């Protein structure tokens, strides 16, 4: 049985990333935080580790792609209403994110409503409401 889930993302500036995600309403777990990484709480036993880029490079060993120009993955968070989806994206843009240009022809489907943004480092976040 799994006890926790962690996604790790490289960031250029930990302080700016922490401020950005704090402004979106996220909090951080000091138990998994140190000078080169901060642990953002997504939900119960679900976290995103924001790791200083030079340290992240040492961990993964391989060359990092530039998330501003290439995408390997995206982080998706489900919320309770369409309004929450819109609020997250509006807040993110207000604090420096850019809205994701959805490749699909619409954001509203019979089973979900989704919008996305790229954070300060270019990582893609999709905010979804499942009907």
C-alpha atoms as a PDB file:
ATOM      1  CA  UNK A   1       0.000   0.000   0.000  1.00  0.00           C
ATOM      2  CA  UNK A   2       1.300   3.445  -0.892  1.00  0.00           C
ATOM      3  CA  UNK A   3       1.533   5.966   1.932  1.00  0.00           C
ATOM      4  CA  UNK A   4       2.144   9.175  -0.029  1.00  0.00           C
ATOM      5  CA  UNK A   5       2.453  10.569  -3.560  1.00  0.00           C
ATOM      6  CA  UNK A   6       5.131  13.089  -4.585  1.00  0.00           C
ATOM      7  CA  UNK A   7       5.675  14.867  -7.907  1.00  0.00           C
ATOM      8  CA  UNK A   8       8.962  16.754  -8.217  1.00  0.00           C
ATOM      9  CA  UNK A   9       9.442  19.823 -10.404  1.00  0.00           C
ATOM     10  CA  UNK A  10      12.552  21.900 -11.001  1.00  0.00           C
ATOM     11  CA  UNK A  11      12.282  25.625 -10.301  1.00  0.00           C
ATOM     12  CA  UNK A  12      14.656  28.482 -10.923  1.00  0.00           C
ATOM     13  CA  UNK A  13      13.752  30.502  -7.801  1.00  0.00           C
ATOM     14  CA  UNK A  14      12.339  28.746  -4.722  1.00  0.00           C
ATOM     15  CA  UNK A  15      11.257  31.970  -3.029  1.00  0.00           C
ATOM     16  CA  UNK A  16       9.325  33.218  -6.064  1.00  0.00           C
ATOM     17  CA  UNK A  17       7.727  29.794  -6.566  1.00  0.00           C
ATOM     18  CA  UNK A  18       6.693  29.610  -2.918  1.00  0.00           C
ATOM     19  CA  UNK A  19       5.178  33.100  -3.091  1.00  0.00           C
ATOM     20  CA  UNK A  20       3.343  32.254  -6.337  1.00  0.00           C
ATOM     21  CA  UNK A  21       1.804  29.033  -5.022  1.00  0.00           C
ATOM     22  CA  UNK A  22       1.053  30.604  -1.622  1.00  0.00           C
ATOM     23  CA  UNK A  23      -0.919  33.272  -3.484  1.00  0.00           C
ATOM     24  CA  UNK A  24      -2.930  30.461  -5.086  1.00  0.00           C
ATOM     25  CA  UNK A  25      -3.808  29.138  -1.623  1.00  0.00           C
ATOM     26  CA  UNK A  26      -1.344  26.259  -1.287  1.00  0.00           C
ATOM     27  CA  UNK A  27       0.509  25.569   1.944  1.00  0.00           C
ATOM     28  CA  UNK A  28       3.816  23.829   2.577  1.00  0.00           C
ATOM     29  CA  UNK A  29       5.009  20.953   4.761  1.00  0.00           C
ATOM     30  CA  UNK A  30       8.139  21.826   6.718  1.00  0.00           C
ATOM     31  CA  UNK A  31       8.841  18.116   7.369  1.00  0.00           C
ATOM     32  CA  UNK A  32       9.908  17.676   3.728  1.00  0.00           C
ATOM     33  CA  UNK A  33      11.402  21.129   3.163  1.00  0.00           C
ATOM     34  CA  UNK A  34      15.061  22.157   3.239  1.00  0.00           C
ATOM     35  CA  UNK A  35      17.246  24.896   1.712  1.00  0.00           C
ATOM     36  CA  UNK A  36      17.066  23.455  -1.825  1.00  0.00           C
ATOM     37  CA  UNK A  37      13.469  22.201  -1.926  1.00  0.00           C
ATOM     38  CA  UNK A  38      10.030  23.040  -0.614  1.00  0.00           C
ATOM     39  CA  UNK A  39       7.173  20.606  -0.209  1.00  0.00           C
ATOM     40  CA  UNK A  40       3.807  21.925  -1.416  1.00  0.00           C
ATOM     41  CA  UNK A  41       0.706  20.221  -0.060  1.00  0.00           C
ATOM     42  CA  UNK A  42      -1.854  19.257  -2.719  1.00  0.00           C
ATOM     43  CA  UNK A  43      -4.075  17.064  -0.564  1.00  0.00           C
ATOM     44  CA  UNK A  44      -3.949  14.286   1.999  1.00  0.00           C
ATOM     45  CA  UNK A  45      -0.603  12.511   1.439  1.00  0.00           C
ATOM     46  CA  UNK A  46      -0.237  14.204  -1.969  1.00  0.00           C
ATOM     47  CA  UNK A  47       2.636  16.649  -2.524  1.00  0.00           C
ATOM     48  CA  UNK A  48       4.630  18.547  -5.127  1.00  0.00           C
ATOM     49  CA  UNK A  49       8.316  18.985  -4.389  1.00  0.00           C
ATOM     50  CA  UNK A  50       9.639  22.229  -5.844  1.00  0.00           C
ATOM     51  CA  UNK A  51      13.379  21.654  -6.159  1.00  0.00           C
ATOM     52  CA  UNK A  52      16.099  24.140  -7.004  1.00  0.00           C
ATOM     53  CA  UNK A  53      17.130  23.524 -10.626  1.00  0.00           C
ATOM     54  CA  UNK A  54      20.847  22.789  -9.951  1.00  0.00           C
ATOM     55  CA  UNK A  55      19.926  20.191  -7.309  1.00  0.00           C
ATOM     56  CA  UNK A  56      17.188  18.714  -9.513  1.00  0.00           C
ATOM     57  CA  UNK A  57      19.760  18.258 -12.315  1.00  0.00           C
ATOM     58  CA  UNK A  58      21.995  16.280  -9.945  1.00  0.00           C
ATOM     59  CA  UNK A  59      19.091  14.025  -8.952  1.00  0.00           C
ATOM     60  CA  UNK A  60      17.888  13.186 -12.471  1.00  0.00           C
ATOM     61  CA  UNK A  61      21.406  13.199 -13.983  1.00  0.00           C
ATOM     62  CA  UNK A  62      20.042  13.869 -17.481  1.00  0.00           C
ATOM     63  CA  UNK A  63      19.669  17.218 -19.199  1.00  0.00           C
ATOM     64  CA  UNK A  64      16.448  19.033 -18.314  1.00  0.00           C
ATOM     65  CA  UNK A  65      14.036  20.187 -20.976  1.00  0.00           C
ATOM     66  CA  UNK A  66      12.876  23.788 -20.928  1.00  0.00           C
ATOM     67  CA  UNK A  67       9.227  23.654 -19.770  1.00  0.00           C
ATOM     68  CA  UNK A  68       8.615  26.981 -21.510  1.00  0.00           C
ATOM     69  CA  UNK A  69       9.199  25.348 -24.904  1.00  0.00           C
ATOM     70  CA  UNK A  70       8.661  21.591 -24.352  1.00  0.00           C
ATOM     71  CA  UNK A  71       6.252  19.577 -22.251  1.00  0.00           C
ATOM     72  CA  UNK A  72       6.876  16.155 -20.828  1.00  0.00           C
ATOM     73  CA  UNK A  73       3.955  16.083 -18.438  1.00  0.00           C
ATOM     74  CA  UNK A  74       1.387  18.217 -16.691  1.00  0.00           C
ATOM     75  CA  UNK A  75      -0.008  18.336 -13.189  1.00  0.00           C
ATOM     76  CA  UNK A  76      -3.773  18.110 -12.928  1.00  0.00           C
ATOM     77  CA  UNK A  77      -5.820  19.112  -9.895  1.00  0.00           C
ATOM     78  CA  UNK A  78      -9.537  18.378  -9.569  1.00  0.00           C
ATOM     79  CA  UNK A  79     -11.718  20.953  -7.819  1.00  0.00           C
ATOM     80  CA  UNK A  80     -15.381  21.048  -6.767  1.00  0.00           C
ATOM     81  CA  UNK A  81     -16.925  23.592  -9.186  1.00  0.00           C
ATOM     82  CA  UNK A  82     -16.450  25.322 -12.540  1.00  0.00           C
ATOM     83  CA  UNK A  83     -16.091  28.581 -10.635  1.00  0.00           C
ATOM     84  CA  UNK A  84     -13.113  27.166  -8.740  1.00  0.00           C
ATOM     85  CA  UNK A  85     -11.473  26.247 -12.046  1.00  0.00           C
ATOM     86  CA  UNK A  86     -11.886  29.812 -13.299  1.00  0.00           C
ATOM     87  CA  UNK A  87     -10.751  31.292  -9.964  1.00  0.00           C
ATOM     88  CA  UNK A  88      -7.531  29.232  -9.935  1.00  0.00           C
ATOM     89  CA  UNK A  89      -6.636  30.289 -13.462  1.00  0.00           C
ATOM     90  CA  UNK A  90      -7.492  33.957 -12.850  1.00  0.00           C
ATOM     91  CA  UNK A  91      -5.402  34.009  -9.667  1.00  0.00           C
ATOM     92  CA  UNK A  92      -2.505  32.234 -11.350  1.00  0.00           C
ATOM     93  CA  UNK A  93      -2.472  34.788 -14.182  1.00  0.00           C
ATOM     94  CA  UNK A  94      -2.690  37.639 -11.676  1.00  0.00           C
ATOM     95  CA  UNK A  95       0.463  36.359  -9.960  1.00  0.00           C
ATOM     96  CA  UNK A  96       2.543  35.811 -13.103  1.00  0.00           C
ATOM     97  CA  UNK A  97       1.344  32.636 -14.815  1.00  0.00           C
ATOM     98  CA  UNK A  98       0.250  32.457 -18.430  1.00  0.00           C
ATOM     99  CA  UNK A  99      -2.987  30.817 -19.481  1.00  0.00           C
ATOM    100  CA  UNK A 100      -2.547  27.563 -21.336  1.00  0.00           C
ATOM    101  CA  UNK A 101      -3.828  27.626 -24.896  1.00  0.00           C
ATOM    102  CA  UNK A 102      -5.883  24.463 -24.911  1.00  0.00           C
ATOM    103  CA  UNK A 103      -5.207  22.256 -27.907  1.00  0.00           C
ATOM    104  CA  UNK A 104      -8.715  20.895 -27.736  1.00  0.00           C
ATOM    105  CA  UNK A 105     -11.527  22.874 -29.333  1.00  0.00           C
ATOM    106  CA  UNK A 106     -13.251  23.707 -26.047  1.00  0.00           C
ATOM    107  CA  UNK A 107     -12.869  23.616 -22.260  1.00  0.00           C
ATOM    108  CA  UNK A 108     -16.370  22.454 -21.366  1.00  0.00           C
ATOM    109  CA  UNK A 109     -17.367  18.842 -21.981  1.00  0.00           C
ATOM    110  CA  UNK A 110     -20.314  16.758 -20.815  1.00  0.00           C
ATOM    111  CA  UNK A 111     -18.137  15.097 -18.131  1.00  0.00           C
ATOM    112  CA  UNK A 112     -15.594  17.813 -17.254  1.00  0.00           C
ATOM    113  CA  UNK A 113     -14.631  21.471 -17.401  1.00  0.00           C
ATOM    114  CA  UNK A 114     -10.895  22.177 -17.664  1.00  0.00           C
ATOM    115  CA  UNK A 115      -8.546  25.135 -17.994  1.00  0.00           C
ATOM    116  CA  UNK A 116      -4.816  25.373 -17.535  1.00  0.00           C
ATOM    117  CA  UNK A 117      -1.892  27.651 -16.891  1.00  0.00           C
ATOM    118  CA  UNK A 118       1.882  27.573 -17.031  1.00  0.00           C
ATOM    119  CA  UNK A 119       3.535  28.550 -13.747  1.00  0.00           C
ATOM    120  CA  UNK A 120       6.559  30.841 -13.356  1.00  0.00           C
ATOM    121  CA  UNK A 121       8.901  28.087 -14.588  1.00  0.00           C
ATOM    122  CA  UNK A 122       6.665  26.988 -17.458  1.00  0.00           C
ATOM    123  CA  UNK A 123       5.247  23.837 -15.814  1.00  0.00           C
ATOM    124  CA  UNK A 124       1.724  23.120 -17.029  1.00  0.00           C
ATOM    125  CA  UNK A 125      -1.081  22.853 -14.473  1.00  0.00           C
ATOM    126  CA  UNK A 126      -4.558  21.726 -15.504  1.00  0.00           C
ATOM    127  CA  UNK A 127      -7.445  22.590 -13.198  1.00  0.00           C
ATOM    128  CA  UNK A 128     -10.431  20.320 -13.733  1.00  0.00           C
ATOM    129  CA  UNK A 129     -14.008  20.046 -12.531  1.00  0.00           C
ATOM    130  CA  UNK A 130     -15.552  16.634 -13.147  1.00  0.00           C
ATOM    131  CA  UNK A 131     -19.335  16.778 -13.510  1.00  0.00           C
END
